[in-house]
Amino acid sequence: MKQEFINKMKKNLLEERASILASLERQRDEFKSLISSVEAGDEADIASDAEGRHLLDSLGEQAAQRLQLINNALTRIQEGKYGVCLSCGKDIPQARLERIPYAFMCVDCMEKAERNQR
């Protein structure tokens, strides 16, 4: 895999990581705001705020998972293993990496893994 492509993917991964971290920071601020409003609210407000907290928690978990995938991809770049399927050892096509820069398996291996999880 060409170094120019790897550098491009590294830049994309770093930008996506920064975006996720900024989003998580905003969610943290929104969560603090929700907590403050619950103290003075009635039961309907409390139920609505609880639903909002649940949604923020869910979004936070998804972002944290994606952040972990990004950090793992950045580690593979440092180790010179980026773009190699962790399952079969074959190269992951560049088109797949452009679409999912943190992909760690080729399409065939990912499909097999997903089938096994069902």
C-alpha atoms as a PDB file:
ATOM      1  CA  MET A   1       0.000   0.000   0.000  1.00  0.00           C
ATOM      2  CA  LYS A   2       1.379   3.396  -0.966  1.00  0.00           C
ATOM      3  CA  GLN A   3       2.537   5.716   1.807  1.00  0.00           C
ATOM      4  CA  GLU A   4       0.609   8.594   0.238  1.00  0.00           C
ATOM      5  CA  PHE A   5      -2.651   6.663   0.667  1.00  0.00           C
ATOM      6  CA  ILE A   6      -1.768   5.701   4.244  1.00  0.00           C
ATOM      7  CA  ASN A   7      -1.012   9.340   5.081  1.00  0.00           C
ATOM      8  CA  LYS A   8      -4.363  10.371   3.616  1.00  0.00           C
ATOM      9  CA  MET A   9      -6.176   7.747   5.705  1.00  0.00           C
ATOM     10  CA  LYS A  10      -4.261   8.784   8.829  1.00  0.00           C
ATOM     11  CA  LYS A  11      -5.327  12.395   8.279  1.00  0.00           C
ATOM     12  CA  ASN A  12      -8.960  11.289   7.813  1.00  0.00           C
ATOM     13  CA  LEU A  13      -8.833   9.145  10.946  1.00  0.00           C
ATOM     14  CA  LEU A  14      -7.365  11.974  13.024  1.00  0.00           C
ATOM     15  CA  GLU A  15     -10.052  14.368  11.763  1.00  0.00           C
ATOM     16  CA  GLU A  16     -12.819  11.881  12.546  1.00  0.00           C
ATOM     17  CA  ARG A  17     -11.368  11.283  16.018  1.00  0.00           C
ATOM     18  CA  ALA A  18     -11.298  15.028  16.704  1.00  0.00           C
ATOM     19  CA  SER A  19     -14.914  15.302  15.540  1.00  0.00           C
ATOM     20  CA  ILE A  20     -16.047  12.464  17.814  1.00  0.00           C
ATOM     21  CA  LEU A  21     -14.231  13.929  20.809  1.00  0.00           C
ATOM     22  CA  ALA A  22     -15.839  17.330  20.192  1.00  0.00           C
ATOM     23  CA  SER A  23     -19.255  15.665  19.908  1.00  0.00           C
ATOM     24  CA  LEU A  24     -18.737  13.775  23.155  1.00  0.00           C
ATOM     25  CA  GLU A  25     -17.758  17.036  24.843  1.00  0.00           C
ATOM     26  CA  ARG A  26     -20.994  18.660  23.624  1.00  0.00           C
ATOM     27  CA  GLN A  27     -22.994  15.667  24.852  1.00  0.00           C
ATOM     28  CA  ARG A  28     -21.311  15.944  28.248  1.00  0.00           C
ATOM     29  CA  ASP A  29     -22.326  19.596  28.439  1.00  0.00           C
ATOM     30  CA  GLU A  30     -25.913  18.722  27.431  1.00  0.00           C
ATOM     31  CA  PHE A  31     -25.984  16.006  30.084  1.00  0.00           C
ATOM     32  CA  LYS A  32     -24.895  18.500  32.750  1.00  0.00           C
ATOM     33  CA  SER A  33     -27.651  20.838  31.589  1.00  0.00           C
ATOM     34  CA  LEU A  34     -30.231  18.032  31.822  1.00  0.00           C
ATOM     35  CA  ILE A  35     -29.159  17.186  35.354  1.00  0.00           C
ATOM     36  CA  SER A  36     -29.493  20.812  36.418  1.00  0.00           C
ATOM     37  CA  SER A  37     -32.993  21.070  34.961  1.00  0.00           C
ATOM     38  CA  VAL A  38     -34.211  17.864  36.647  1.00  0.00           C
ATOM     39  CA  GLU A  39     -33.650  19.301  40.091  1.00  0.00           C
ATOM     40  CA  ALA A  40     -36.329  21.954  39.532  1.00  0.00           C
ATOM     41  CA  GLY A  41     -38.708  20.010  37.214  1.00  0.00           C
ATOM     42  CA  ASP A  42     -41.982  18.206  37.709  1.00  0.00           C
ATOM     43  CA  GLU A  43     -42.573  14.490  37.031  1.00  0.00           C
ATOM     44  CA  ALA A  44     -43.212  14.952  33.301  1.00  0.00           C
ATOM     45  CA  ASP A  45     -39.975  16.914  32.963  1.00  0.00           C
ATOM     46  CA  ILE A  46     -38.102  14.255  34.900  1.00  0.00           C
ATOM     47  CA  ALA A  47     -39.409  11.491  32.596  1.00  0.00           C
ATOM     48  CA  SER A  48     -38.506  13.503  29.515  1.00  0.00           C
ATOM     49  CA  ASP A  49     -35.040  14.239  30.895  1.00  0.00           C
ATOM     50  CA  ALA A  50     -34.504  10.556  31.700  1.00  0.00           C
ATOM     51  CA  GLU A  51     -35.317   9.717  28.093  1.00  0.00           C
ATOM     52  CA  GLY A  52     -32.865  12.387  26.933  1.00  0.00           C
ATOM     53  CA  ARG A  53     -30.137  10.979  29.180  1.00  0.00           C
ATOM     54  CA  HIS A  54     -30.770   7.482  27.799  1.00  0.00           C
ATOM     55  CA  LEU A  55     -30.419   8.816  24.248  1.00  0.00           C
ATOM     56  CA  LEU A  56     -27.187  10.637  25.129  1.00  0.00           C
ATOM     57  CA  ASP A  57     -25.816   7.486  26.763  1.00  0.00           C
ATOM     58  CA  SER A  58     -26.625   5.446  23.651  1.00  0.00           C
ATOM     59  CA  LEU A  59     -25.021   7.999  21.348  1.00  0.00           C
ATOM     60  CA  GLY A  60     -22.023   8.140  23.647  1.00  0.00           C
ATOM     61  CA  GLU A  61     -21.555   4.368  23.535  1.00  0.00           C
ATOM     62  CA  GLN A  62     -21.666   4.311  19.731  1.00  0.00           C
ATOM     63  CA  ALA A  63     -19.182   7.176  19.529  1.00  0.00           C
ATOM     64  CA  ALA A  64     -16.895   5.466  22.043  1.00  0.00           C
ATOM     65  CA  GLN A  65     -16.936   2.257  19.997  1.00  0.00           C
ATOM     66  CA  ARG A  66     -16.098   4.152  16.805  1.00  0.00           C
ATOM     67  CA  LEU A  67     -13.375   6.044  18.649  1.00  0.00           C
ATOM     68  CA  GLN A  68     -11.831   2.742  19.724  1.00  0.00           C
ATOM     69  CA  LEU A  69     -11.898   1.467  16.122  1.00  0.00           C
ATOM     70  CA  ILE A  70     -10.190   4.674  14.975  1.00  0.00           C
ATOM     71  CA  ASN A  71      -7.515   4.439  17.662  1.00  0.00           C
ATOM     72  CA  ASN A  72      -6.891   0.808  16.697  1.00  0.00           C
ATOM     73  CA  ALA A  73      -6.501   1.813  13.043  1.00  0.00           C
ATOM     74  CA  LEU A  74      -4.028   4.550  14.004  1.00  0.00           C
ATOM     75  CA  THR A  75      -2.048   1.968  15.977  1.00  0.00           C
ATOM     76  CA  ARG A  76      -1.987  -0.335  12.935  1.00  0.00           C
ATOM     77  CA  ILE A  77      -0.657   2.573  10.866  1.00  0.00           C
ATOM     78  CA  GLN A  78       2.164   3.095  13.384  1.00  0.00           C
ATOM     79  CA  GLU A  79       2.949  -0.614  13.352  1.00  0.00           C
ATOM     80  CA  GLY A  80       2.935  -0.798   9.543  1.00  0.00           C
ATOM     81  CA  LYS A  81      -0.060  -3.174   9.564  1.00  0.00           C
ATOM     82  CA  TYR A  82      -2.750  -0.814   8.264  1.00  0.00           C
ATOM     83  CA  GLY A  83      -4.842  -2.224   5.423  1.00  0.00           C
ATOM     84  CA  VAL A  84      -4.165  -5.864   6.267  1.00  0.00           C
ATOM     85  CA  CYS A  85      -7.101  -8.059   7.303  1.00  0.00           C
ATOM     86  CA  LEU A  86      -6.656  -9.187  10.899  1.00  0.00           C
ATOM     87  CA  SER A  87      -8.422 -12.452  10.106  1.00  0.00           C
ATOM     88  CA  CYS A  88      -6.938 -13.758   6.857  1.00  0.00           C
ATOM     89  CA  GLY A  89      -3.882 -11.506   6.430  1.00  0.00           C
ATOM     90  CA  LYS A  90      -4.837 -10.365   2.926  1.00  0.00           C
ATOM     91  CA  ASP A  91      -4.801  -6.718   1.888  1.00  0.00           C
ATOM     92  CA  ILE A  92      -8.027  -4.818   2.481  1.00  0.00           C
ATOM     93  CA  PRO A  93      -9.008  -3.076  -0.780  1.00  0.00           C
ATOM     94  CA  GLN A  94      -8.338   0.672  -0.792  1.00  0.00           C
ATOM     95  CA  ALA A  95     -11.942   1.359  -1.815  1.00  0.00           C
ATOM     96  CA  ARG A  96     -13.108  -0.299   1.425  1.00  0.00           C
ATOM     97  CA  LEU A  97     -10.615   1.701   3.490  1.00  0.00           C
ATOM     98  CA  GLU A  98     -11.696   4.932   1.819  1.00  0.00           C
ATOM     99  CA  ARG A  99     -15.272   4.161   2.795  1.00  0.00           C
ATOM    100  CA  ILE A 100     -14.448   2.782   6.265  1.00  0.00           C
ATOM    101  CA  PRO A 101     -10.955   4.011   7.177  1.00  0.00           C
ATOM    102  CA  TYR A 102     -10.938   2.007  10.412  1.00  0.00           C
ATOM    103  CA  ALA A 103     -11.855  -1.313   8.732  1.00  0.00           C
ATOM    104  CA  PHE A 104      -9.830  -4.160  10.186  1.00  0.00           C
ATOM    105  CA  MET A 105     -11.163  -7.031   8.079  1.00  0.00           C
ATOM    106  CA  CYS A 106     -11.726  -7.593   4.398  1.00  0.00           C
ATOM    107  CA  VAL A 107     -15.345  -7.879   3.265  1.00  0.00           C
ATOM    108  CA  ASP A 108     -15.306 -11.693   3.120  1.00  0.00           C
ATOM    109  CA  CYS A 109     -13.960 -12.088   6.655  1.00  0.00           C
ATOM    110  CA  MET A 110     -16.322  -9.447   8.034  1.00  0.00           C
ATOM    111  CA  GLU A 111     -19.312 -11.207   6.451  1.00  0.00           C
ATOM    112  CA  LYS A 112     -18.189 -14.526   7.949  1.00  0.00           C
ATOM    113  CA  ALA A 113     -17.780 -12.920  11.381  1.00  0.00           C
ATOM    114  CA  GLU A 114     -21.238 -11.337  11.174  1.00  0.00           C
ATOM    115  CA  ARG A 115     -22.828 -14.646  10.157  1.00  0.00           C
ATOM    116  CA  ASN A 116     -21.154 -16.381  13.108  1.00  0.00           C
ATOM    117  CA  GLN A 117     -22.534 -13.755  15.516  1.00  0.00           C
ATOM    118  CA  ARG A 118     -26.159 -14.456  14.518  1.00  0.00           C
END
